[in-house]
Amino acid sequence: MKFRPLHDRVVVKRVESDQKTKGGIIIPDTVQEKPQEGEVVAVGPGARDDNGKVVPADVKAGDRILFGKWSGTEVKIDGDEFLIMKESDIMGVIEK
């Protein structure tokens, strides 16, 4: 991917959700909710504080994260779908 986010922006690829319920019922794509979990693909250098110093981001490429339902802007880069959001839209990192 040839895209570098600026400031405190983060590029996220959604993690695919299960197509079935625990009971085995298959959920069609039209009624399926978009997952709120993703993997960080790229991170900008960080936000600037009041003094103009760059504060590095808390997340890094490869982190698995949770984000809000309406967070980010959907974009297509090289045919793949990504979300670009501010770091403040991320609720947390999922630890393994």
C-alpha atoms as a PDB file:
ATOM      1  CA  MET A   1       0.000   0.000   0.000  1.00  0.00           C
ATOM      2  CA  LYS A   2       1.391   3.380  -0.967  1.00  0.00           C
ATOM      3  CA  PHE A   3      -0.374   5.653   1.503  1.00  0.00           C
ATOM      4  CA  ARG A   4       1.042   7.497   4.522  1.00  0.00           C
ATOM      5  CA  PRO A   5      -1.437   9.049   6.962  1.00  0.00           C
ATOM      6  CA  LEU A   6      -0.749  12.509   8.365  1.00  0.00           C
ATOM      7  CA  HIS A   7      -0.813  13.774  11.966  1.00  0.00           C
ATOM      8  CA  ASP A   8      -2.780  11.492  14.313  1.00  0.00           C
ATOM      9  CA  ARG A   9      -4.620   9.613  11.567  1.00  0.00           C
ATOM     10  CA  VAL A  10      -4.673   5.801  11.529  1.00  0.00           C
ATOM     11  CA  VAL A  11      -5.413   3.469   8.590  1.00  0.00           C
ATOM     12  CA  VAL A  12      -7.424   0.409   9.667  1.00  0.00           C
ATOM     13  CA  LYS A  13      -8.521  -2.730   7.824  1.00  0.00           C
ATOM     14  CA  ARG A  14     -11.723  -4.206   9.226  1.00  0.00           C
ATOM     15  CA  VAL A  15     -11.539  -7.766  10.557  1.00  0.00           C
ATOM     16  CA  GLU A  16     -14.129 -10.000   8.891  1.00  0.00           C
ATOM     17  CA  SER A  17     -16.895 -11.117  11.231  1.00  0.00           C
ATOM     18  CA  ASP A  18     -18.469 -14.558  11.419  1.00  0.00           C
ATOM     19  CA  GLN A  19     -21.130 -15.326   8.812  1.00  0.00           C
ATOM     20  CA  LYS A  20     -22.996 -17.643  11.233  1.00  0.00           C
ATOM     21  CA  THR A  21     -24.556 -17.310  14.654  1.00  0.00           C
ATOM     22  CA  LYS A  22     -23.570 -19.681  17.462  1.00  0.00           C
ATOM     23  CA  GLY A  23     -26.717 -21.677  16.664  1.00  0.00           C
ATOM     24  CA  GLY A  24     -25.593 -22.193  13.060  1.00  0.00           C
ATOM     25  CA  ILE A  25     -27.885 -19.688  11.350  1.00  0.00           C
ATOM     26  CA  ILE A  26     -26.213 -18.029   8.356  1.00  0.00           C
ATOM     27  CA  ILE A  27     -26.522 -14.230   8.347  1.00  0.00           C
ATOM     28  CA  PRO A  28     -26.791 -12.615   4.886  1.00  0.00           C
ATOM     29  CA  ASP A  29     -24.508  -9.665   4.081  1.00  0.00           C
ATOM     30  CA  THR A  30     -27.444  -7.269   3.727  1.00  0.00           C
ATOM     31  CA  VAL A  31     -28.413  -7.485   7.419  1.00  0.00           C
ATOM     32  CA  GLN A  32     -24.992  -8.117   8.865  1.00  0.00           C
ATOM     33  CA  GLU A  33     -23.502  -5.287  10.928  1.00  0.00           C
ATOM     34  CA  LYS A  34     -20.035  -4.081  10.012  1.00  0.00           C
ATOM     35  CA  PRO A  35     -17.426  -5.227  12.515  1.00  0.00           C
ATOM     36  CA  GLN A  36     -16.056  -2.724  15.010  1.00  0.00           C
ATOM     37  CA  GLU A  37     -12.756  -4.536  15.185  1.00  0.00           C
ATOM     38  CA  GLY A  38      -9.808  -4.009  12.901  1.00  0.00           C
ATOM     39  CA  GLU A  39      -6.088  -4.203  12.349  1.00  0.00           C
ATOM     40  CA  VAL A  40      -3.931  -1.094  12.156  1.00  0.00           C
ATOM     41  CA  VAL A  41      -2.182  -0.911   8.774  1.00  0.00           C
ATOM     42  CA  ALA A  42      -0.427   2.467   9.035  1.00  0.00           C
ATOM     43  CA  VAL A  43      -0.085   5.265  11.595  1.00  0.00           C
ATOM     44  CA  GLY A  44       0.772   8.938  11.164  1.00  0.00           C
ATOM     45  CA  PRO A  45       3.633  10.546  13.089  1.00  0.00           C
ATOM     46  CA  GLY A  46       1.317  11.819  15.842  1.00  0.00           C
ATOM     47  CA  ALA A  47      -0.633  14.854  16.987  1.00  0.00           C
ATOM     48  CA  ARG A  48       0.905  18.153  18.031  1.00  0.00           C
ATOM     49  CA  ASP A  49       0.518  19.455  21.579  1.00  0.00           C
ATOM     50  CA  ASP A  50       0.014  23.092  22.596  1.00  0.00           C
ATOM     51  CA  ASN A  51       3.759  23.775  22.315  1.00  0.00           C
ATOM     52  CA  GLY A  52       3.985  22.348  18.790  1.00  0.00           C
ATOM     53  CA  LYS A  53       5.822  19.162  19.800  1.00  0.00           C
ATOM     54  CA  VAL A  54       4.751  15.907  18.131  1.00  0.00           C
ATOM     55  CA  VAL A  55       3.143  13.432  20.534  1.00  0.00           C
ATOM     56  CA  PRO A  56       3.627   9.926  19.065  1.00  0.00           C
ATOM     57  CA  ALA A  57       0.604   7.653  18.628  1.00  0.00           C
ATOM     58  CA  ASP A  58      -0.154   4.904  21.175  1.00  0.00           C
ATOM     59  CA  VAL A  59      -0.982   2.362  18.452  1.00  0.00           C
ATOM     60  CA  LYS A  60       1.318   0.830  15.858  1.00  0.00           C
ATOM     61  CA  ALA A  61       0.923  -1.136  12.650  1.00  0.00           C
ATOM     62  CA  GLY A  62      -0.257  -4.676  13.373  1.00  0.00           C
ATOM     63  CA  ASP A  63      -2.257  -3.800  16.526  1.00  0.00           C
ATOM     64  CA  ARG A  64      -5.772  -5.226  16.748  1.00  0.00           C
ATOM     65  CA  ILE A  65      -8.174  -2.502  17.869  1.00  0.00           C
ATOM     66  CA  LEU A  66     -11.802  -1.724  18.722  1.00  0.00           C
ATOM     67  CA  PHE A  67     -13.397   1.439  17.387  1.00  0.00           C
ATOM     68  CA  GLY A  68     -16.792   3.157  17.455  1.00  0.00           C
ATOM     69  CA  LYS A  69     -19.624   2.095  15.184  1.00  0.00           C
ATOM     70  CA  TRP A  70     -19.564   5.293  13.094  1.00  0.00           C
ATOM     71  CA  SER A  71     -15.823   6.013  13.351  1.00  0.00           C
ATOM     72  CA  GLY A  72     -13.629   6.864  10.410  1.00  0.00           C
ATOM     73  CA  THR A  73     -14.035   7.430   6.715  1.00  0.00           C
ATOM     74  CA  GLU A  74     -14.232   4.473   4.337  1.00  0.00           C
ATOM     75  CA  VAL A  75     -11.778   4.644   1.422  1.00  0.00           C
ATOM     76  CA  LYS A  76     -10.545   2.319  -1.317  1.00  0.00           C
ATOM     77  CA  ILE A  77      -6.784   2.135  -1.867  1.00  0.00           C
ATOM     78  CA  ASP A  78      -5.419  -0.201  -4.549  1.00  0.00           C
ATOM     79  CA  GLY A  79      -8.806  -1.975  -4.650  1.00  0.00           C
ATOM     80  CA  ASP A  80      -8.875  -2.747  -0.899  1.00  0.00           C
ATOM     81  CA  GLU A  81     -11.278  -1.116   1.563  1.00  0.00           C
ATOM     82  CA  PHE A  82      -9.838   0.695   4.576  1.00  0.00           C
ATOM     83  CA  LEU A  83     -10.977   3.091   7.280  1.00  0.00           C
ATOM     84  CA  ILE A  84      -9.062   6.276   8.030  1.00  0.00           C
ATOM     85  CA  MET A  85      -9.757   7.637  11.500  1.00  0.00           C
ATOM     86  CA  LYS A  86      -8.233   9.812  14.179  1.00  0.00           C
ATOM     87  CA  GLU A  87      -6.423   8.009  16.961  1.00  0.00           C
ATOM     88  CA  SER A  88      -8.978   9.415  19.438  1.00  0.00           C
ATOM     89  CA  ASP A  89     -11.714   7.332  17.692  1.00  0.00           C
ATOM     90  CA  ILE A  90      -9.971   4.130  18.816  1.00  0.00           C
ATOM     91  CA  MET A  91     -11.421   2.708  22.033  1.00  0.00           C
ATOM     92  CA  GLY A  92      -8.587   0.312  22.807  1.00  0.00           C
ATOM     93  CA  VAL A  93      -6.071  -2.308  21.722  1.00  0.00           C
ATOM     94  CA  ILE A  94      -6.990  -5.999  22.003  1.00  0.00           C
ATOM     95  CA  GLU A  95      -4.191  -7.832  23.807  1.00  0.00           C
ATOM     96  CA  LYS A  96      -3.465 -11.439  22.869  1.00  0.00           C
END
